[in-house]
Amino acid sequence: MAIRDSTEGTMKILDKNLRQGTIKVMVDCGDDLWYLHTIIDARDRCTGDSEYKYKAGGTAGGEGKTSIIKRKVWVTIEVERTEFSGSTGQLRATGKVVDGSEEVPRGSYHTLDITEGSRITIMKTNWLNYQLEKLEEALAGHANALLVLFDRETAIFATLKASGHEVLLTLKGDVPKKGVDEGRAHSFYREVAKAAQEYRDRLQAEHVIAASPSFWKEYLEKEAGPELRKRMLFTTISTVDETAIQEVLRRPELQSALRAQRSTRETALLESIMLALAKDRLVYGKDDVRAALDEGNISEVTVSENAIMKAKEEGTFDELETMLRRASDVKAKVHLVSTKDAAGKIDGLGGIVGVKRW
């Protein structure tokens, strides 16, 4: 069985000067592009290397042969919009040119194509705390845990990612009849253990979380090698399918092992928000959150990534950004949630919620 190479590194900061509002980063993997997409806003300035195309030859009247010249340039744009595609692994930032190589006309529109290996400088008038936290999260990396959900006939391998989780592989085994060819069952667990070891090595996962219903744990444990067993944490789940990943993340005994993972943090954050709602200490929707901010009666604000992206698309991000800056001014913590489960719950409450101080 061939395991695809899913090894991911971490974004690197090449230069940082918050007094000038600039941070220069080098993109290492596809997840980094997703982080930058959530961080880069309209009116930010982005500087990077790019390819510029222009016509050469011909006459002023448009006669004569012309050719398209491609040249590597550096350019600074004032961002108007960003587009991210997880399928192509590309982030595009488009805006007017404010500085750059002499070939690039000032005031013209240009698009920076940001991919793995790109070096990009982001300049903001003011970095919000949640944006710096997102950047720190990207620097810390995200593939610290491998999840293996299994029973006697199915095994699902997944890794936690910045935007939730990614299913890497699903294995299916033949279920032997009781007392007949039960060696096939042991063969399946050997295959599961082998795949777990290979993914652990490629991802450099600190922990391998093995979750199963009933008593299947001992079968996998017997087939795992000593190196894999050292990293394995066993827990129980009710069923073996993708929905059980959230069940695993809620297990209290796994919280310390997975504390660096966004999915786990967002699950815990969502539970605290629901607790505040039950105690009548939650405001939700832009109008109510803004009113509580005006009173200084907010200790935490949580906004969904979907709400931010929608505001950018609809041209209403200024209003949302003003609220987030106001939250920082009153010393409220600002959280951005992006995993499917947590963001979906916040979207159902208007895209933004606040926990009141009193």
Protein backbone atom coordinates (compact mmCIF):
# COMPACT_ATOMS: atom_id res chain seq x y z
CA MET A 1 0.00 0.00 0.00
CA ALA A 2 1.46 3.35 -1.05
CA ILE A 3 1.06 6.28 1.31
CA ARG A 4 0.97 9.69 -0.33
CA ASP A 5 3.40 12.25 0.99
CA SER A 6 1.38 14.66 3.17
CA THR A 7 4.33 16.10 5.10
CA GLU A 8 3.80 19.75 5.90
CA GLY A 9 6.21 22.27 7.26
CA THR A 10 5.45 25.61 8.81
CA MET A 11 5.37 29.18 7.61
CA LYS A 12 8.51 31.18 8.35
CA ILE A 13 8.76 34.84 9.40
CA LEU A 14 11.65 36.47 7.55
CA ASP A 15 11.20 39.96 8.99
CA LYS A 16 8.83 41.61 11.47
CA ASN A 17 8.43 45.29 12.32
CA LEU A 18 5.08 46.00 13.96
CA ARG A 19 5.98 49.67 14.46
CA GLN A 20 5.98 49.99 10.70
CA GLY A 21 3.15 47.47 10.42
CA THR A 22 5.12 45.03 8.26
CA ILE A 23 5.63 41.28 8.47
CA LYS A 24 7.49 39.32 5.79
CA VAL A 25 6.77 35.59 5.54
CA MET A 26 7.77 32.63 3.42
CA VAL A 27 4.96 30.25 2.50
CA ASP A 28 5.82 26.62 3.20
CA CYS A 29 2.63 24.66 2.52
CA GLY A 30 -0.95 24.92 1.30
CA ASP A 31 -2.36 25.53 4.78
CA ASP A 32 -0.21 28.67 5.03
CA LEU A 33 -2.12 30.15 2.09
CA TRP A 34 -5.40 29.59 3.93
CA TYR A 35 -4.00 31.44 6.95
CA LEU A 36 -2.86 34.36 4.78
CA HIS A 37 -6.28 34.49 3.13
CA THR A 38 -7.87 35.10 6.55
CA ILE A 39 -5.21 37.67 7.50
CA ILE A 40 -4.89 39.85 4.37
CA ASP A 41 -7.60 42.53 4.18
CA ALA A 42 -8.58 45.23 1.70
CA ARG A 43 -6.27 48.28 1.88
CA ASP A 44 -3.38 46.18 3.19
CA ARG A 45 -0.24 46.51 1.12
CA CYS A 46 1.45 43.36 -0.15
CA THR A 47 4.90 43.20 -1.69
CA GLY A 48 6.32 40.22 -3.54
CA ASP A 49 7.98 38.92 -6.68
CA SER A 50 5.71 38.53 -9.66
CA GLU A 51 5.61 37.98 -13.40
CA TYR A 52 4.72 41.02 -15.49
CA LYS A 53 3.61 40.77 -19.12
CA TYR A 54 3.76 43.65 -21.59
CA LYS A 55 3.82 44.23 -25.32
CA ALA A 56 7.02 45.25 -27.08
CA GLY A 57 7.67 46.31 -30.67
CA GLY A 58 5.31 47.85 -33.20
CA THR A 59 4.72 51.55 -33.74
CA ALA A 60 2.78 54.21 -31.88
CA GLY A 61 0.01 53.79 -34.44
CA GLY A 62 -0.28 50.11 -33.66
CA GLU A 63 1.45 48.93 -36.83
CA GLY A 64 4.25 46.43 -37.08
CA LYS A 65 4.98 43.21 -35.28
CA THR A 66 4.60 43.09 -31.52
CA SER A 67 5.57 40.45 -29.01
CA ILE A 68 4.58 39.65 -25.44
CA ILE A 69 7.45 40.02 -23.00
CA LYS A 70 7.38 38.25 -19.63
CA ARG A 71 9.65 39.57 -16.93
CA LYS A 72 10.23 38.83 -13.26
CA VAL A 73 9.52 41.97 -11.23
CA TRP A 74 8.84 42.99 -7.66
CA VAL A 75 5.67 44.89 -6.95
CA THR A 76 3.70 46.42 -4.07
CA ILE A 77 -0.07 46.55 -4.42
CA GLU A 78 -2.80 48.04 -2.26
CA VAL A 79 -5.08 45.04 -1.93
CA GLU A 80 -8.69 45.27 -3.05
CA ARG A 81 -9.58 41.57 -2.98
CA THR A 82 -8.12 38.12 -2.38
CA GLU A 83 -9.11 34.75 -3.82
CA PHE A 84 -8.07 31.42 -2.37
CA SER A 85 -8.34 28.01 -4.02
CA GLY A 86 -7.53 25.00 -1.89
CA SER A 87 -7.74 22.72 -4.95
CA THR A 88 -5.05 24.59 -6.90
CA GLY A 89 -2.99 25.61 -3.87
CA GLN A 90 -2.98 29.26 -4.87
CA LEU A 91 -3.81 32.59 -3.22
CA ARG A 92 -4.33 35.60 -5.48
CA ALA A 93 -4.19 39.17 -4.15
CA THR A 94 -5.36 41.87 -6.57
CA GLY A 95 -5.06 45.64 -6.29
CA LYS A 96 -3.49 48.81 -7.65
CA VAL A 97 0.29 49.06 -7.96
CA VAL A 98 1.79 51.61 -5.55
CA ASP A 99 5.47 50.67 -5.94
CA GLY A 100 7.70 48.20 -7.72
CA SER A 101 10.01 47.62 -10.65
CA GLU A 102 10.11 50.39 -13.25
CA GLU A 103 8.38 48.24 -15.89
CA VAL A 104 5.16 48.14 -13.86
CA PRO A 105 3.01 51.30 -14.25
CA ARG A 106 1.92 52.89 -10.97
CA GLY A 107 -1.85 52.90 -10.58
CA SER A 108 -2.34 49.88 -12.84
CA TYR A 109 -4.04 46.75 -11.56
CA HIS A 110 -1.90 43.73 -10.82
CA THR A 111 -2.40 40.32 -9.22
CA LEU A 112 0.14 38.68 -6.95
CA ASP A 113 0.02 34.89 -7.27
CA ILE A 114 1.06 33.50 -3.89
CA THR A 115 2.02 29.81 -3.81
CA GLU A 116 4.24 27.47 -1.82
CA GLY A 117 7.72 29.00 -1.63
CA SER A 118 6.49 32.59 -2.13
CA ARG A 119 7.98 35.38 -0.02
CA ILE A 120 5.44 38.06 0.73
CA THR A 121 5.49 41.22 2.86
CA ILE A 122 2.19 42.30 4.42
CA MET A 123 1.78 45.88 5.63
CA LYS A 124 -1.17 46.93 7.80
CA THR A 125 -1.95 50.21 9.52
CA ASN A 126 -2.75 48.13 12.60
CA TRP A 127 -2.46 44.39 13.23
CA LEU A 128 -5.41 43.03 15.24
CA ASN A 129 -4.66 40.49 17.96
CA TYR A 130 -6.59 37.67 16.27
CA GLN A 131 -4.54 38.20 13.09
CA LEU A 132 -1.28 37.89 15.03
CA GLU A 133 -2.66 34.79 16.75
CA LYS A 134 -3.49 33.26 13.37
CA LEU A 135 0.05 33.98 12.22
CA GLU A 136 1.52 32.38 15.34
CA GLU A 137 -0.69 29.37 14.76
CA ALA A 138 0.68 29.00 11.23
CA LEU A 139 4.24 29.25 12.56
CA ALA A 140 3.57 26.49 15.09
CA GLY A 141 2.42 23.99 12.47
CA HIS A 142 -0.68 21.85 12.58
CA ALA A 143 0.01 18.16 11.87
CA ASN A 144 0.74 17.14 15.46
CA ALA A 145 -1.80 14.33 15.69
CA LEU A 146 -2.84 11.39 13.56
CA LEU A 147 -6.33 10.02 14.13
CA VAL A 148 -7.07 6.35 13.47
CA LEU A 149 -10.74 5.35 13.79
CA PHE A 150 -11.20 1.62 13.41
CA ASP A 151 -13.19 -1.52 14.08
CA ARG A 152 -12.83 -5.03 12.64
CA GLU A 153 -13.83 -4.03 9.09
CA THR A 154 -13.08 -0.31 8.60
CA ALA A 155 -10.23 2.06 9.42
CA ILE A 156 -10.26 5.81 8.79
CA PHE A 157 -7.01 7.80 8.96
CA ALA A 158 -7.22 11.58 9.39
CA THR A 159 -5.01 14.48 10.39
CA LEU A 160 -6.02 17.75 12.03
CA LYS A 161 -5.48 20.76 9.82
CA ALA A 162 -5.85 24.50 10.15
CA SER A 163 -9.28 24.45 8.59
CA GLY A 164 -10.56 21.35 10.36
CA HIS A 165 -9.45 17.84 9.45
CA GLU A 166 -8.43 15.89 6.37
CA VAL A 167 -9.28 12.25 5.80
CA LEU A 168 -6.12 10.64 4.44
CA LEU A 169 -7.21 7.07 3.84
CA THR A 170 -10.07 4.64 4.39
CA LEU A 171 -9.29 0.93 4.60
CA LYS A 172 -11.84 -1.86 4.30
CA GLY A 173 -11.25 -5.40 5.54
CA ASP A 174 -13.06 -8.68 4.99
CA VAL A 175 -15.02 -9.71 8.07
CA PRO A 176 -14.31 -13.39 8.79
CA LYS A 177 -17.02 -15.66 10.11
CA LYS A 178 -16.53 -16.74 13.69
CA GLY A 179 -14.04 -19.59 13.86
CA VAL A 180 -13.41 -19.48 10.10
CA ASP A 181 -10.22 -17.93 8.65
CA GLU A 182 -9.82 -15.51 11.57
CA GLY A 183 -6.26 -14.91 10.39
CA ARG A 184 -7.77 -12.42 7.95
CA ALA A 185 -8.77 -10.23 10.90
CA HIS A 186 -5.20 -10.18 12.19
CA SER A 187 -4.01 -9.37 8.67
CA PHE A 188 -6.35 -6.35 8.58
CA TYR A 189 -5.06 -5.02 11.91
CA ARG A 190 -1.48 -5.48 10.66
CA GLU A 191 -2.38 -3.39 7.61
CA VAL A 192 -3.92 -0.71 9.85
CA ALA A 193 -0.83 -0.67 12.10
CA LYS A 194 1.48 -0.44 9.08
CA ALA A 195 -0.46 2.48 7.59
CA ALA A 196 -0.53 4.23 10.99
CA GLN A 197 3.25 3.91 11.29
CA GLU A 198 3.84 5.23 7.75
CA TYR A 199 1.55 8.22 8.25
CA ARG A 200 3.09 8.90 11.67
CA ASP A 201 6.53 9.02 10.08
CA ARG A 202 5.51 11.23 7.16
CA LEU A 203 3.50 13.68 9.28
CA GLN A 204 5.96 13.56 12.19
CA ALA A 205 2.85 13.32 14.37
CA GLU A 206 3.50 13.63 18.08
CA HIS A 207 0.44 11.53 18.93
CA VAL A 208 -1.48 8.72 17.26
CA ILE A 209 -5.04 8.75 18.56
CA ALA A 210 -6.56 5.28 18.08
CA ALA A 211 -10.33 5.27 18.59
CA SER A 212 -12.66 2.31 18.29
CA PRO A 213 -15.96 0.97 19.60
CA SER A 214 -16.08 -2.03 21.90
CA PHE A 215 -12.95 -4.11 22.51
CA TRP A 216 -11.04 -3.76 19.21
CA LYS A 217 -8.22 -1.82 20.89
CA GLU A 218 -6.25 -4.93 21.94
CA TYR A 219 -6.15 -6.30 18.39
CA LEU A 220 -4.49 -3.17 16.97
CA GLU A 221 -2.22 -2.82 19.98
CA LYS A 222 -0.86 -6.34 19.40
CA GLU A 223 0.03 -5.55 15.78
CA ALA A 224 1.62 -2.14 16.47
CA GLY A 225 5.39 -1.95 16.73
CA PRO A 226 7.07 -0.60 19.90
CA GLU A 227 7.76 2.85 18.38
CA LEU A 228 4.13 3.28 17.34
CA ARG A 229 2.79 2.01 20.69
CA LYS A 230 4.80 4.70 22.52
CA ARG A 231 2.84 7.40 20.70
CA MET A 232 -0.59 5.79 20.77
CA LEU A 233 -3.47 7.03 22.90
CA PHE A 234 -6.55 4.79 22.92
CA THR A 235 -10.10 5.96 23.38
CA THR A 236 -13.61 4.77 22.54
CA ILE A 237 -16.12 6.03 19.98
CA SER A 238 -19.67 5.01 19.21
CA THR A 239 -19.22 4.48 15.46
CA VAL A 240 -16.50 4.45 12.81
CA ASP A 241 -17.26 7.27 10.39
CA GLU A 242 -16.10 10.84 9.79
CA THR A 243 -18.60 12.31 12.27
CA ALA A 244 -16.82 10.48 15.09
CA ILE A 245 -13.81 12.81 14.74
CA GLN A 246 -15.67 15.50 16.69
CA GLU A 247 -16.55 12.87 19.30
CA VAL A 248 -12.84 12.08 19.70
CA LEU A 249 -11.92 15.75 20.07
CA ARG A 250 -14.37 16.15 22.95
CA ARG A 251 -12.85 13.34 25.01
CA PRO A 252 -11.38 15.03 28.14
CA GLU A 253 -8.44 12.62 28.37
CA LEU A 254 -7.25 13.75 24.96
CA GLN A 255 -7.44 17.50 25.53
CA SER A 256 -3.88 17.85 26.80
CA ALA A 257 -2.49 15.74 23.95
CA LEU A 258 -4.31 17.82 21.35
CA ARG A 259 -4.23 21.25 22.98
CA ALA A 260 -2.23 22.76 20.13
CA GLN A 261 -4.82 21.76 17.57
CA ARG A 262 -7.27 24.39 16.35
CA SER A 263 -10.14 21.90 16.09
CA THR A 264 -9.83 21.07 19.78
CA ARG A 265 -9.53 24.70 20.86
CA GLU A 266 -12.55 25.68 18.81
CA THR A 267 -14.60 22.82 20.24
CA ALA A 268 -13.74 24.02 23.76
CA LEU A 269 -14.46 27.64 22.79
CA LEU A 270 -17.84 26.64 21.39
CA GLU A 271 -18.73 24.85 24.63
CA SER A 272 -17.89 27.99 26.65
CA ILE A 273 -20.06 30.05 24.30
CA MET A 274 -22.98 27.66 24.75
CA LEU A 275 -22.49 27.86 28.52
CA ALA A 276 -22.63 31.68 28.35
CA LEU A 277 -25.82 31.39 26.28
CA ALA A 278 -27.39 29.14 28.93
CA LYS A 279 -26.49 31.72 31.61
CA ASP A 280 -27.94 34.60 29.55
CA ARG A 281 -24.49 36.19 29.21
CA LEU A 282 -24.22 35.91 25.43
CA VAL A 283 -25.03 38.56 22.83
CA TYR A 284 -25.12 37.62 19.17
CA GLY A 285 -25.52 39.36 15.85
CA LYS A 286 -23.79 42.61 14.87
CA ASP A 287 -26.30 44.99 16.45
CA ASP A 288 -26.34 43.40 19.90
CA VAL A 289 -22.56 42.84 19.98
CA ARG A 290 -21.98 46.47 18.95
CA ALA A 291 -24.32 47.71 21.70
CA ALA A 292 -22.52 45.64 24.35
CA LEU A 293 -19.15 46.90 23.09
CA ASP A 294 -20.36 50.49 23.40
CA GLU A 295 -21.16 49.74 27.06
CA GLY A 296 -17.76 48.09 27.58
CA ASN A 297 -19.66 44.97 28.60
CA ILE A 298 -17.77 42.40 26.50
CA SER A 299 -14.98 40.08 27.65
CA GLU A 300 -14.70 37.95 24.50
CA VAL A 301 -15.79 38.27 20.88
CA THR A 302 -15.93 35.31 18.50
CA VAL A 303 -16.43 35.74 14.76
CA SER A 304 -16.64 33.04 12.10
CA GLU A 305 -14.32 32.96 9.12
CA ASN A 306 -17.43 32.74 6.92
CA ALA A 307 -18.72 36.05 8.32
CA ILE A 308 -15.39 37.74 7.56
CA MET A 309 -15.24 36.38 4.01
CA LYS A 310 -18.87 37.29 3.36
CA ALA A 311 -18.29 40.83 4.64
CA LYS A 312 -15.28 41.18 2.33
CA GLU A 313 -17.31 39.96 -0.65
CA GLU A 314 -20.23 42.29 0.13
CA GLY A 315 -18.05 45.32 0.84
CA THR A 316 -19.15 45.56 4.50
CA PHE A 317 -15.88 44.46 6.09
CA ASP A 318 -15.12 48.00 7.34
CA GLU A 319 -18.09 47.77 9.72
CA LEU A 320 -17.00 44.38 11.03
CA GLU A 321 -13.35 45.42 11.33
CA THR A 322 -14.38 48.50 13.33
CA MET A 323 -16.19 46.24 15.81
CA LEU A 324 -13.16 43.97 16.16
CA ARG A 325 -10.88 46.96 16.73
CA ARG A 326 -13.35 48.26 19.31
CA ALA A 327 -13.18 44.88 21.05
CA SER A 328 -9.40 45.18 21.23
CA ASP A 329 -9.75 48.71 22.62
CA VAL A 330 -11.88 47.47 25.54
CA LYS A 331 -9.40 44.61 26.21
CA ALA A 332 -11.77 41.90 24.99
CA LYS A 333 -10.28 38.75 23.52
CA VAL A 334 -11.06 38.26 19.83
CA HIS A 335 -11.37 34.73 18.42
CA LEU A 336 -11.73 33.65 14.81
CA VAL A 337 -13.27 30.21 14.28
CA SER A 338 -12.92 28.37 11.02
CA THR A 339 -13.56 24.65 11.49
CA LYS A 340 -16.84 23.45 10.02
CA ASP A 341 -18.59 22.55 13.27
CA ALA A 342 -17.65 25.66 15.28
CA ALA A 343 -18.02 28.15 12.42
CA GLY A 344 -21.41 26.66 11.52
CA LYS A 345 -22.71 27.21 15.06
CA ILE A 346 -21.46 30.83 15.11
CA ASP A 347 -22.96 31.46 11.67
CA GLY A 348 -26.28 30.29 13.08
CA LEU A 349 -25.98 33.03 15.72
CA GLY A 350 -25.38 35.80 13.20
CA GLY A 351 -21.70 35.20 12.48
CA ILE A 352 -20.46 37.07 15.56
CA VAL A 353 -21.08 36.60 19.29
CA GLY A 354 -19.88 38.23 22.48
CA VAL A 355 -19.60 37.01 26.06
CA LYS A 356 -20.70 39.75 28.48
CA ARG A 357 -18.63 40.76 31.49
CA TRP A 358 -21.73 41.04 33.67
